[in-house]
Amino acid sequence: MATAATEVPPAAFDAVLVPLLAVDETGHRVGYGGGFYDRFLAQCRPDAQFIGISVLDDAPVAPLADVLPTDVPLHACLLPYRILQF
């Protein structure tokens, strides 16, 4: 018998893994559009760690020109052969 899923509030997370297409030297990322992760990360605790995951190893890119005030930067990014910390 199936049971209802328990919703976990964003404030309960110690870390959040975030997929991305590109990241710059300050931890701002280009995602898949829509701002879902920025809205979610903004609800997390201030001490939560935000960690990007990329299958490409050509990061970081030049500073992103279209960073918005609502964009939440990452603390680190996992790449195929290295880890970036911001």
Protein backbone atom coordinates (compact mmCIF):
# COMPACT_ATOMS: atom_id res chain seq x y z
CA MET A 1 0.00 0.00 0.00
CA ALA A 2 1.38 3.40 -0.96
CA THR A 3 1.76 6.06 1.69
CA ALA A 4 1.83 9.82 1.34
CA ALA A 5 5.28 11.35 0.98
CA THR A 6 6.47 13.55 3.80
CA GLU A 7 7.38 17.04 2.68
CA VAL A 8 10.74 18.20 4.00
CA PRO A 9 10.97 21.97 4.47
CA PRO A 10 13.99 23.75 2.92
CA ALA A 11 15.17 24.82 6.38
CA ALA A 12 15.80 21.15 7.25
CA PHE A 13 18.64 20.71 4.72
CA ASP A 14 22.29 20.95 5.74
CA ALA A 15 23.40 20.86 2.08
CA VAL A 16 21.74 21.07 -1.32
CA LEU A 17 23.17 19.64 -4.56
CA VAL A 18 22.38 21.85 -7.55
CA PRO A 19 22.77 20.85 -11.23
CA LEU A 20 24.26 23.51 -13.48
CA LEU A 21 25.52 24.29 -16.97
CA ALA A 22 28.22 26.82 -15.99
CA VAL A 23 29.58 28.57 -12.91
CA ASP A 24 31.74 31.68 -12.51
CA GLU A 25 34.54 32.52 -10.04
CA THR A 26 32.07 33.88 -7.48
CA GLY A 27 29.82 30.81 -7.40
CA HIS A 28 27.03 32.23 -9.55
CA ARG A 29 25.68 29.64 -11.92
CA VAL A 30 23.79 29.21 -15.14
CA GLY A 31 21.13 26.59 -14.59
CA TYR A 32 18.36 25.15 -16.66
CA GLY A 33 16.08 28.20 -16.50
CA GLY A 34 13.07 29.11 -14.43
CA GLY A 35 14.80 30.08 -11.18
CA PHE A 36 13.57 27.01 -9.27
CA TYR A 37 16.81 26.44 -7.39
CA ASP A 38 17.29 30.12 -6.54
CA ARG A 39 13.81 30.24 -5.00
CA PHE A 40 14.46 27.01 -3.09
CA LEU A 41 17.94 28.03 -1.85
CA ALA A 42 16.60 31.37 -0.63
CA GLN A 43 14.37 29.43 1.79
CA CYS A 44 17.22 27.36 3.26
CA ARG A 45 19.05 28.11 6.48
CA PRO A 46 21.92 30.64 6.27
CA ASP A 47 24.43 27.94 7.29
CA ALA A 48 23.30 25.41 4.65
CA GLN A 49 25.91 24.56 2.00
CA PHE A 50 24.98 24.90 -1.68
CA ILE A 51 27.04 22.62 -3.91
CA GLY A 52 26.86 22.67 -7.69
CA ILE A 53 27.37 19.58 -9.83
CA SER A 54 28.63 19.75 -13.40
CA VAL A 55 29.61 17.03 -15.86
CA LEU A 56 31.77 19.59 -17.71
CA ASP A 57 35.29 20.42 -16.52
CA ASP A 58 35.55 23.84 -18.17
CA ALA A 59 34.55 25.86 -15.11
CA PRO A 60 34.78 28.48 -13.90
CA VAL A 61 33.75 30.76 -16.72
CA ALA A 62 34.24 34.52 -16.93
CA PRO A 63 32.06 36.51 -14.51
CA LEU A 64 28.43 36.21 -15.50
CA ALA A 65 26.99 39.49 -16.73
CA ASP A 66 23.34 38.73 -16.01
CA VAL A 67 23.44 37.98 -12.27
CA LEU A 68 20.19 39.05 -10.63
CA PRO A 69 19.67 40.17 -7.02
CA THR A 70 17.59 37.01 -6.48
CA ASP A 71 20.41 34.68 -7.67
CA VAL A 72 21.88 32.63 -4.81
CA PRO A 73 25.60 31.82 -5.17
CA LEU A 74 27.06 28.38 -4.50
CA HIS A 75 29.61 27.54 -1.81
CA ALA A 76 31.34 24.88 -3.93
CA CYS A 77 31.09 23.03 -7.23
CA LEU A 78 31.92 19.39 -7.99
CA LEU A 79 33.49 18.92 -11.42
CA PRO A 80 34.69 15.66 -12.99
CA TYR A 81 38.34 16.15 -11.93
CA ARG A 82 38.30 18.86 -9.29
CA ILE A 83 36.32 20.73 -6.66
CA LEU A 84 35.90 24.49 -6.67
CA GLN A 85 35.27 26.40 -3.45
CA PHE A 86 33.89 29.93 -3.42
